[in-house]
Amino acid sequence: MSTALSDPAGFIRDNTAIAQATLVPEISLHLATEITPIWQASEVYLEQIGIEPPFWAFAWPGSQLIARFILDNPGHVQGRRVLDVACGCGLAAIAAA
Protein backbone atom coordinates (compact mmCIF):
# COMPACT_ATOMS: atom_id res chain seq x y z
CA MET A 1 0.00 0.00 0.00
CA SER A 2 1.41 3.37 -0.94
CA THR A 3 1.99 6.14 1.57
CA ALA A 4 -0.73 8.17 -0.13
CA LEU A 5 -3.31 5.51 0.75
CA SER A 6 -2.10 4.67 4.25
CA ASP A 7 -1.49 8.25 5.42
CA PRO A 8 -3.11 10.76 3.04
CA ALA A 9 -2.48 13.78 5.29
CA GLY A 10 1.19 12.86 5.70
CA PHE A 11 1.54 12.33 1.96
CA ILE A 12 0.14 15.79 1.29
CA ARG A 13 2.38 17.40 3.94
CA ASP A 14 5.49 15.62 2.62
CA ASN A 15 4.88 16.27 -1.08
CA THR A 16 3.46 19.79 -1.25
CA ALA A 17 4.33 23.23 0.04
CA ILE A 18 2.04 25.76 1.66
CA ALA A 19 1.73 28.46 -0.99
CA GLN A 20 -0.68 30.99 -2.41
CA ALA A 21 -2.21 31.00 -5.87
CA THR A 22 -1.24 34.07 -7.88
CA LEU A 23 -4.75 35.49 -8.20
CA VAL A 24 -5.82 34.62 -4.64
CA PRO A 25 -2.89 35.42 -2.33
CA GLU A 26 -5.11 35.68 0.74
CA ILE A 27 -5.74 31.89 0.76
CA SER A 28 -2.93 29.44 1.59
CA LEU A 29 -3.09 25.91 0.17
CA HIS A 30 -0.98 22.77 0.07
CA LEU A 31 0.24 22.99 -3.54
CA ALA A 32 2.69 21.29 -5.84
CA THR A 33 5.47 23.74 -6.62
CA GLU A 34 8.75 23.45 -8.48
CA ILE A 35 10.48 22.43 -5.23
CA THR A 36 8.06 19.69 -4.14
CA PRO A 37 8.54 15.96 -4.82
CA ILE A 38 5.06 15.58 -6.34
CA TRP A 39 5.89 18.22 -8.97
CA GLN A 40 9.14 16.48 -9.83
CA ALA A 41 7.69 12.96 -10.00
CA SER A 42 6.74 11.83 -13.44
CA GLU A 43 3.27 10.53 -14.26
CA VAL A 44 4.85 7.17 -15.14
CA TYR A 45 6.48 6.88 -11.71
CA LEU A 46 3.27 7.85 -9.93
CA GLU A 47 1.39 5.18 -11.90
CA GLN A 48 3.98 2.55 -10.95
CA ILE A 49 3.48 3.24 -7.25
CA GLY A 50 -0.31 3.41 -7.55
CA ILE A 51 -0.90 7.13 -7.20
CA GLU A 52 -3.15 9.08 -9.57
CA PRO A 53 -1.67 12.25 -11.09
CA PRO A 54 -2.02 14.96 -8.42
CA PHE A 55 -4.51 17.22 -10.17
CA TRP A 56 -5.68 18.26 -6.69
CA ALA A 57 -2.28 19.81 -5.96
CA PHE A 58 -2.59 22.65 -8.44
CA ALA A 59 -4.57 25.88 -8.22
CA TRP A 60 -5.89 25.78 -11.77
CA PRO A 61 -6.47 29.14 -13.48
CA GLY A 62 -10.25 28.59 -13.68
CA SER A 63 -10.40 27.91 -9.95
CA GLN A 64 -8.35 31.00 -9.20
CA LEU A 65 -10.65 33.12 -11.33
CA ILE A 66 -13.79 31.77 -9.64
CA ALA A 67 -12.24 32.24 -6.19
CA ARG A 68 -11.16 35.79 -7.04
CA PHE A 69 -14.68 36.62 -8.24
CA ILE A 70 -16.22 35.18 -5.04
CA LEU A 71 -13.80 37.08 -2.78
CA ASP A 72 -14.43 40.32 -4.66
CA ASN A 73 -18.22 39.77 -4.88
CA PRO A 74 -19.29 37.80 -1.78
CA GLY A 75 -22.92 38.80 -2.20
CA HIS A 76 -23.24 36.38 -5.11
CA VAL A 77 -22.73 33.39 -2.79
CA GLN A 78 -23.68 34.73 0.64
CA GLY A 79 -26.41 32.60 2.21
CA ARG A 80 -26.29 30.07 -0.63
CA ARG A 81 -24.95 26.58 -1.06
CA VAL A 82 -21.92 26.37 -3.31
CA LEU A 83 -20.75 23.25 -5.10
CA ASP A 84 -17.12 23.17 -6.24
CA VAL A 85 -16.64 20.27 -8.68
CA ALA A 86 -13.31 19.65 -10.42
CA CYS A 87 -12.24 23.27 -10.17
CA GLY A 88 -8.78 22.66 -8.70
CA CYS A 89 -7.90 21.94 -5.07
CA GLY A 90 -11.18 23.26 -3.65
CA LEU A 91 -10.02 26.85 -3.93
CA ALA A 92 -13.40 28.17 -5.03
CA ALA A 93 -15.13 26.32 -2.18
CA ILE A 94 -12.65 27.74 0.32
CA ALA A 95 -13.26 31.24 -1.01
CA ALA A 96 -17.02 30.70 -0.79
CA ALA A 97 -16.74 29.50 2.82
C-alpha atoms as a PDB file:
ATOM      1  CA  MET A   1       0.000   0.000   0.000  1.00  0.00           C
ATOM      2  CA  SER A   2       1.414   3.373  -0.944  1.00  0.00           C
ATOM      3  CA  THR A   3       1.993   6.138   1.571  1.00  0.00           C
ATOM      4  CA  ALA A   4      -0.734   8.169  -0.128  1.00  0.00           C
ATOM      5  CA  LEU A   5      -3.313   5.510   0.754  1.00  0.00           C
ATOM      6  CA  SER A   6      -2.105   4.667   4.248  1.00  0.00           C
ATOM      7  CA  ASP A   7      -1.488   8.254   5.424  1.00  0.00           C
ATOM      8  CA  PRO A   8      -3.107  10.763   3.043  1.00  0.00           C
ATOM      9  CA  ALA A   9      -2.477  13.785   5.291  1.00  0.00           C
ATOM     10  CA  GLY A  10       1.189  12.858   5.700  1.00  0.00           C
ATOM     11  CA  PHE A  11       1.542  12.333   1.962  1.00  0.00           C
ATOM     12  CA  ILE A  12       0.143  15.792   1.295  1.00  0.00           C
ATOM     13  CA  ARG A  13       2.382  17.403   3.939  1.00  0.00           C
ATOM     14  CA  ASP A  14       5.485  15.620   2.621  1.00  0.00           C
ATOM     15  CA  ASN A  15       4.877  16.266  -1.077  1.00  0.00           C
ATOM     16  CA  THR A  16       3.464  19.788  -1.248  1.00  0.00           C
ATOM     17  CA  ALA A  17       4.327  23.226   0.041  1.00  0.00           C
ATOM     18  CA  ILE A  18       2.037  25.765   1.655  1.00  0.00           C
ATOM     19  CA  ALA A  19       1.732  28.460  -0.985  1.00  0.00           C
ATOM     20  CA  GLN A  20      -0.680  30.990  -2.411  1.00  0.00           C
ATOM     21  CA  ALA A  21      -2.211  31.004  -5.870  1.00  0.00           C
ATOM     22  CA  THR A  22      -1.236  34.073  -7.876  1.00  0.00           C
ATOM     23  CA  LEU A  23      -4.749  35.489  -8.203  1.00  0.00           C
ATOM     24  CA  VAL A  24      -5.823  34.618  -4.638  1.00  0.00           C
ATOM     25  CA  PRO A  25      -2.892  35.424  -2.333  1.00  0.00           C
ATOM     26  CA  GLU A  26      -5.107  35.684   0.735  1.00  0.00           C
ATOM     27  CA  ILE A  27      -5.738  31.893   0.761  1.00  0.00           C
ATOM     28  CA  SER A  28      -2.925  29.437   1.590  1.00  0.00           C
ATOM     29  CA  LEU A  29      -3.087  25.912   0.168  1.00  0.00           C
ATOM     30  CA  HIS A  30      -0.975  22.766   0.069  1.00  0.00           C
ATOM     31  CA  LEU A  31       0.238  22.993  -3.539  1.00  0.00           C
ATOM     32  CA  ALA A  32       2.689  21.290  -5.844  1.00  0.00           C
ATOM     33  CA  THR A  33       5.475  23.738  -6.616  1.00  0.00           C
ATOM     34  CA  GLU A  34       8.752  23.450  -8.478  1.00  0.00           C
ATOM     35  CA  ILE A  35      10.479  22.426  -5.230  1.00  0.00           C
ATOM     36  CA  THR A  36       8.056  19.686  -4.139  1.00  0.00           C
ATOM     37  CA  PRO A  37       8.539  15.965  -4.824  1.00  0.00           C
ATOM     38  CA  ILE A  38       5.064  15.577  -6.340  1.00  0.00           C
ATOM     39  CA  TRP A  39       5.890  18.224  -8.970  1.00  0.00           C
ATOM     40  CA  GLN A  40       9.144  16.485  -9.831  1.00  0.00           C
ATOM     41  CA  ALA A  41       7.692  12.962  -9.996  1.00  0.00           C
ATOM     42  CA  SER A  42       6.736  11.827 -13.442  1.00  0.00           C
ATOM     43  CA  GLU A  43       3.274  10.530 -14.259  1.00  0.00           C
ATOM     44  CA  VAL A  44       4.851   7.172 -15.140  1.00  0.00           C
ATOM     45  CA  TYR A  45       6.483   6.885 -11.710  1.00  0.00           C
ATOM     46  CA  LEU A  46       3.273   7.847  -9.931  1.00  0.00           C
ATOM     47  CA  GLU A  47       1.389   5.183 -11.902  1.00  0.00           C
ATOM     48  CA  GLN A  48       3.982   2.551 -10.945  1.00  0.00           C
ATOM     49  CA  ILE A  49       3.476   3.239  -7.246  1.00  0.00           C
ATOM     50  CA  GLY A  50      -0.311   3.411  -7.552  1.00  0.00           C
ATOM     51  CA  ILE A  51      -0.895   7.132  -7.205  1.00  0.00           C
ATOM     52  CA  GLU A  52      -3.145   9.076  -9.569  1.00  0.00           C
ATOM     53  CA  PRO A  53      -1.669  12.254 -11.085  1.00  0.00           C
ATOM     54  CA  PRO A  54      -2.015  14.964  -8.417  1.00  0.00           C
ATOM     55  CA  PHE A  55      -4.505  17.220 -10.175  1.00  0.00           C
ATOM     56  CA  TRP A  56      -5.684  18.260  -6.688  1.00  0.00           C
ATOM     57  CA  ALA A  57      -2.279  19.808  -5.955  1.00  0.00           C
ATOM     58  CA  PHE A  58      -2.587  22.653  -8.444  1.00  0.00           C
ATOM     59  CA  ALA A  59      -4.568  25.877  -8.215  1.00  0.00           C
ATOM     60  CA  TRP A  60      -5.888  25.776 -11.773  1.00  0.00           C
ATOM     61  CA  PRO A  61      -6.472  29.140 -13.476  1.00  0.00           C
ATOM     62  CA  GLY A  62     -10.247  28.589 -13.677  1.00  0.00           C
ATOM     63  CA  SER A  63     -10.401  27.907  -9.954  1.00  0.00           C
ATOM     64  CA  GLN A  64      -8.352  31.001  -9.199  1.00  0.00           C
ATOM     65  CA  LEU A  65     -10.653  33.120 -11.335  1.00  0.00           C
ATOM     66  CA  ILE A  66     -13.793  31.770  -9.643  1.00  0.00           C
ATOM     67  CA  ALA A  67     -12.237  32.243  -6.187  1.00  0.00           C
ATOM     68  CA  ARG A  68     -11.160  35.791  -7.040  1.00  0.00           C
ATOM     69  CA  PHE A  69     -14.682  36.624  -8.242  1.00  0.00           C
ATOM     70  CA  ILE A  70     -16.216  35.184  -5.045  1.00  0.00           C
ATOM     71  CA  LEU A  71     -13.803  37.080  -2.782  1.00  0.00           C
ATOM     72  CA  ASP A  72     -14.431  40.319  -4.662  1.00  0.00           C
ATOM     73  CA  ASN A  73     -18.222  39.770  -4.879  1.00  0.00           C
ATOM     74  CA  PRO A  74     -19.286  37.803  -1.775  1.00  0.00           C
ATOM     75  CA  GLY A  75     -22.923  38.802  -2.196  1.00  0.00           C
ATOM     76  CA  HIS A  76     -23.236  36.376  -5.111  1.00  0.00           C
ATOM     77  CA  VAL A  77     -22.730  33.386  -2.785  1.00  0.00           C
ATOM     78  CA  GLN A  78     -23.684  34.732   0.638  1.00  0.00           C
ATOM     79  CA  GLY A  79     -26.409  32.603   2.211  1.00  0.00           C
ATOM     80  CA  ARG A  80     -26.294  30.068  -0.633  1.00  0.00           C
ATOM     81  CA  ARG A  81     -24.954  26.576  -1.057  1.00  0.00           C
ATOM     82  CA  VAL A  82     -21.922  26.372  -3.310  1.00  0.00           C
ATOM     83  CA  LEU A  83     -20.746  23.246  -5.105  1.00  0.00           C
ATOM     84  CA  ASP A  84     -17.119  23.165  -6.241  1.00  0.00           C
ATOM     85  CA  VAL A  85     -16.636  20.272  -8.676  1.00  0.00           C
ATOM     86  CA  ALA A  86     -13.315  19.647 -10.425  1.00  0.00           C
ATOM     87  CA  CYS A  87     -12.239  23.269 -10.172  1.00  0.00           C
ATOM     88  CA  GLY A  88      -8.781  22.662  -8.700  1.00  0.00           C
ATOM     89  CA  CYS A  89      -7.901  21.942  -5.065  1.00  0.00           C
ATOM     90  CA  GLY A  90     -11.176  23.261  -3.650  1.00  0.00           C
ATOM     91  CA  LEU A  91     -10.016  26.852  -3.931  1.00  0.00           C
ATOM     92  CA  ALA A  92     -13.404  28.169  -5.034  1.00  0.00           C
ATOM     93  CA  ALA A  93     -15.126  26.325  -2.177  1.00  0.00           C
ATOM     94  CA  ILE A  94     -12.645  27.736   0.322  1.00  0.00           C
ATOM     95  CA  ALA A  95     -13.261  31.240  -1.014  1.00  0.00           C
ATOM     96  CA  ALA A  96     -17.019  30.702  -0.785  1.00  0.00           C
ATOM     97  CA  ALA A  97     -16.745  29.500   2.818  1.00  0.00           C
END
